[in-house]
Amino acid sequence: MKIDVDVLSQEMIKPSSPTTDHLRNYQLSFLDQIQPPVFMPLVMFYPKEPDVSNLDQCDRIKKSLSEALSVYYPLAGRIKDNAFIDCNDEGVLFVEAKATCHLSDILENPNPNNHNKFIPLELDDASELPAIAQVTYLECGGLVVFLGMSHKVADALSFFLFLDCWAAFARGETDIIRPKFDSATLFPPTDASGSSRVLGL
């Protein structure tokens, strides 16, 4: 089945509270530096939530994302010179889109080529962006939520810890586990001035 996805809007979601000055420079570790600049993707599918409009759902998603970024503040910054993240609160790219299909069309006839249409950028187009997200509205009222995180700033465990934090804020929870951003002390960085930013080990 052919699925068409049209972008409705895009914006930068910023942290709900500003990052303090002494946290503005996050050093990449050696393990971060040798990773390729690609997005780790996750596409999630949700059925229509009773008595909740798509607009209300998207507002909750954006608000909770903003709150999660206040905890995982490096994701709202920009990767610089394969050496550090400028935690400048510029925000995460957030795209809203609509698709010409129902959730059942996707689940009953899975096609990876169609799943790629729910991703706003090419996976190897990470460049300076630590993270990107997209919400796609389906004709049945369901939602497709995409999260992509640069391998330069996170591994799979970090990815799912952030996702758990985002979901917790969306549920209205307040007991949030705060991460430690100290990987550079465990794996000291190297001088990245002459290293390749395209290929990792």
Protein backbone atom coordinates (compact mmCIF):
# COMPACT_ATOMS: atom_id res chain seq x y z
CA MET A 1 0.00 0.00 0.00
CA LYS A 2 1.27 3.43 -0.93
CA ILE A 3 1.35 5.92 1.96
CA ASP A 4 1.71 9.65 1.42
CA VAL A 5 2.96 11.80 4.28
CA ASP A 6 2.62 15.58 4.16
CA VAL A 7 4.45 17.88 6.57
CA LEU A 8 2.11 20.30 8.34
CA SER A 9 4.60 22.27 10.43
CA GLN A 10 7.98 22.17 12.06
CA GLU A 11 9.43 23.96 15.06
CA MET A 12 12.17 23.75 17.65
CA ILE A 13 11.09 22.41 21.04
CA LYS A 14 13.20 24.06 23.73
CA PRO A 15 13.73 22.93 27.34
CA SER A 16 11.01 24.05 29.75
CA SER A 17 13.67 25.68 31.92
CA PRO A 18 16.90 27.28 30.66
CA THR A 19 20.21 25.51 31.04
CA THR A 20 22.45 27.25 33.56
CA ASP A 21 25.70 28.79 32.35
CA HIS A 22 28.01 26.32 34.09
CA LEU A 23 26.36 23.45 32.16
CA ARG A 24 26.52 25.08 28.74
CA ASN A 25 29.56 23.10 27.53
CA TYR A 26 29.14 19.32 27.53
CA GLN A 27 32.34 17.48 26.60
CA LEU A 28 32.03 14.46 24.34
CA SER A 29 33.81 11.34 25.54
CA PHE A 30 36.25 9.31 23.45
CA LEU A 31 33.49 6.77 22.81
CA ASP A 32 31.21 9.56 21.56
CA GLN A 33 33.90 10.92 19.27
CA ILE A 34 34.45 7.65 17.41
CA GLN A 35 30.75 7.07 16.71
CA PRO A 36 29.38 7.89 13.25
CA PRO A 37 27.07 10.93 13.08
CA VAL A 38 23.85 9.01 12.44
CA PHE A 39 20.44 9.03 14.08
CA MET A 40 19.30 5.96 15.99
CA PRO A 41 15.63 5.69 14.96
CA LEU A 42 12.53 4.47 16.73
CA VAL A 43 9.04 4.61 15.19
CA MET A 44 6.14 4.04 17.60
CA PHE A 45 2.48 3.47 16.67
CA TYR A 46 -0.48 4.44 18.86
CA PRO A 47 -4.23 3.87 18.36
CA LYS A 48 -6.70 6.70 18.76
CA GLU A 49 -7.15 7.73 22.38
CA PRO A 50 -10.85 8.03 23.26
CA ASP A 51 -12.20 11.54 23.81
CA VAL A 52 -8.81 13.16 23.12
CA SER A 53 -8.18 15.17 19.97
CA ASN A 54 -5.00 14.94 17.95
CA LEU A 55 -4.28 18.56 18.85
CA ASP A 56 -4.52 17.83 22.57
CA GLN A 57 -2.33 14.75 22.20
CA CYS A 58 0.30 16.65 20.25
CA ASP A 59 0.29 19.50 22.78
CA ARG A 60 0.91 16.97 25.56
CA ILE A 61 3.70 15.36 23.55
CA LYS A 62 5.39 18.71 22.94
CA LYS A 63 4.98 19.90 26.53
CA SER A 64 6.39 16.67 27.96
CA LEU A 65 9.26 16.73 25.44
CA SER A 66 10.12 20.25 26.59
CA GLU A 67 10.09 19.07 30.21
CA ALA A 68 12.27 16.05 29.40
CA LEU A 69 14.76 18.32 27.63
CA SER A 70 15.19 20.32 30.81
CA VAL A 71 16.55 17.09 32.35
CA TYR A 72 18.45 15.87 29.25
CA TYR A 73 19.59 19.36 28.30
CA PRO A 74 22.46 18.32 25.94
CA LEU A 75 19.84 17.02 23.47
CA ALA A 76 18.59 20.59 22.97
CA GLY A 77 22.06 21.86 22.09
CA ARG A 78 24.30 21.56 19.05
CA ILE A 79 27.28 19.24 18.46
CA LYS A 80 30.43 21.22 17.71
CA ASP A 81 33.64 20.00 16.05
CA ASN A 82 33.23 16.41 17.24
CA ALA A 83 34.43 17.70 20.62
CA PHE A 84 31.55 19.07 22.68
CA ILE A 85 27.88 20.00 22.74
CA ASP A 86 27.00 23.67 23.02
CA CYS A 87 24.03 23.36 25.39
CA ASN A 88 22.45 26.53 24.04
CA ASP A 89 18.80 25.42 24.34
CA GLU A 90 18.19 25.90 20.61
CA GLY A 91 15.91 22.90 20.83
CA VAL A 92 14.96 19.64 19.18
CA LEU A 93 13.54 19.67 15.64
CA PHE A 94 9.87 18.69 15.96
CA VAL A 95 7.78 17.98 12.87
CA GLU A 96 4.01 17.52 12.61
CA ALA A 97 2.69 15.61 9.60
CA LYS A 98 -0.36 13.72 8.33
CA ALA A 99 -0.52 10.40 6.48
CA THR A 100 -3.07 8.95 4.08
CA CYS A 101 -3.60 5.68 5.88
CA HIS A 102 -5.06 3.96 8.92
CA LEU A 103 -3.08 2.29 11.68
CA SER A 104 -4.42 -1.11 10.56
CA ASP A 105 -2.95 -0.53 7.08
CA ILE A 106 0.51 -0.22 8.61
CA LEU A 107 0.28 -3.05 11.10
CA GLU A 108 -1.36 -5.56 8.78
CA ASN A 109 0.93 -4.81 5.84
CA PRO A 110 4.27 -3.72 7.35
CA ASN A 111 6.65 -2.17 4.85
CA PRO A 112 9.97 -0.63 5.98
CA ASN A 113 9.88 1.76 3.04
CA ASN A 114 6.65 3.21 4.38
CA HIS A 115 8.10 3.50 7.88
CA ASN A 116 10.87 5.72 6.50
CA LYS A 117 8.21 8.27 5.58
CA PHE A 118 7.62 8.94 9.28
CA ILE A 119 11.23 10.11 9.69
CA PRO A 120 11.82 13.85 9.06
CA LEU A 121 15.51 13.62 8.04
CA GLU A 122 17.85 11.09 6.53
CA LEU A 123 19.39 8.97 9.28
CA ASP A 124 22.93 9.94 8.20
CA ASP A 125 22.05 13.65 8.34
CA ALA A 126 22.71 14.05 12.07
CA SER A 127 25.37 16.80 11.67
CA GLU A 128 24.92 19.15 14.66
CA LEU A 129 21.49 17.95 15.82
CA PRO A 130 21.54 15.63 18.85
CA ALA A 131 17.87 14.63 18.45
CA ILE A 132 14.82 14.97 16.20
CA ALA A 133 11.15 14.02 16.59
CA GLN A 134 8.02 13.75 14.45
CA VAL A 135 4.33 13.18 15.13
CA THR A 136 2.23 11.95 12.22
CA TYR A 137 -1.57 11.96 12.34
CA LEU A 138 -3.33 8.97 10.77
CA GLU A 139 -6.77 9.04 9.15
CA CYS A 140 -8.17 6.77 11.87
CA GLY A 141 -7.12 9.17 14.62
CA GLY A 142 -4.06 7.16 15.59
CA LEU A 143 -0.58 8.60 15.88
CA VAL A 144 2.90 7.69 14.75
CA VAL A 145 5.64 9.08 17.00
CA PHE A 146 9.24 9.08 15.82
CA LEU A 147 12.32 9.78 17.91
CA GLY A 148 15.81 9.93 16.50
CA MET A 149 18.93 10.47 18.59
CA SER A 150 22.45 10.99 17.33
CA HIS A 151 24.83 8.15 18.09
CA LYS A 152 27.36 10.89 18.90
CA VAL A 153 25.53 11.70 22.12
CA ALA A 154 23.80 8.48 23.15
CA ASP A 155 23.87 4.71 23.05
CA ALA A 156 20.81 2.46 23.14
CA LEU A 157 20.54 2.57 26.94
CA SER A 158 20.69 6.37 27.00
CA PHE A 159 18.11 6.47 24.21
CA PHE A 160 15.58 4.45 26.18
CA LEU A 161 16.30 6.27 29.45
CA PHE A 162 15.40 9.52 27.72
CA LEU A 163 12.32 7.93 26.15
CA ASP A 164 11.24 6.72 29.59
CA CYS A 165 11.73 10.21 31.01
CA TRP A 166 9.69 11.75 28.18
CA ALA A 167 6.89 9.23 28.72
CA ALA A 168 6.92 9.83 32.48
CA PHE A 169 6.42 13.56 31.99
CA ALA A 170 3.62 12.82 29.49
CA ARG A 171 1.89 10.73 32.17
CA GLY A 172 2.19 13.59 34.65
CA GLU A 173 4.73 11.90 36.88
CA THR A 174 7.09 14.01 39.01
CA ASP A 175 9.50 11.40 40.39
CA ILE A 176 12.01 11.62 37.54
CA ILE A 177 15.40 9.90 37.58
CA ARG A 178 18.11 12.48 36.85
CA PRO A 179 21.00 11.26 34.66
CA LYS A 180 24.69 11.94 35.22
CA PHE A 181 26.51 13.45 32.28
CA ASP A 182 30.03 12.35 33.18
CA SER A 183 31.10 10.00 30.38
CA ALA A 184 34.03 12.28 29.45
CA THR A 185 35.55 11.72 32.89
CA LEU A 186 35.29 7.95 32.42
CA PHE A 187 36.47 7.94 28.80
CA PRO A 188 38.56 11.10 28.30
CA PRO A 189 38.23 12.68 24.84
CA THR A 190 41.04 13.03 22.32
CA ASP A 191 41.98 15.96 20.15
CA ALA A 192 39.30 15.71 17.44
CA SER A 193 40.71 18.42 15.18
CA GLY A 194 42.13 15.98 12.64
CA SER A 195 39.72 13.09 13.00
CA SER A 196 37.06 12.02 10.54
CA ARG A 197 33.53 13.12 11.39
CA VAL A 198 31.96 10.64 8.98
CA LEU A 199 33.45 7.26 9.85
CA GLY A 200 33.49 5.59 13.24
CA LEU A 201 35.24 2.45 14.44
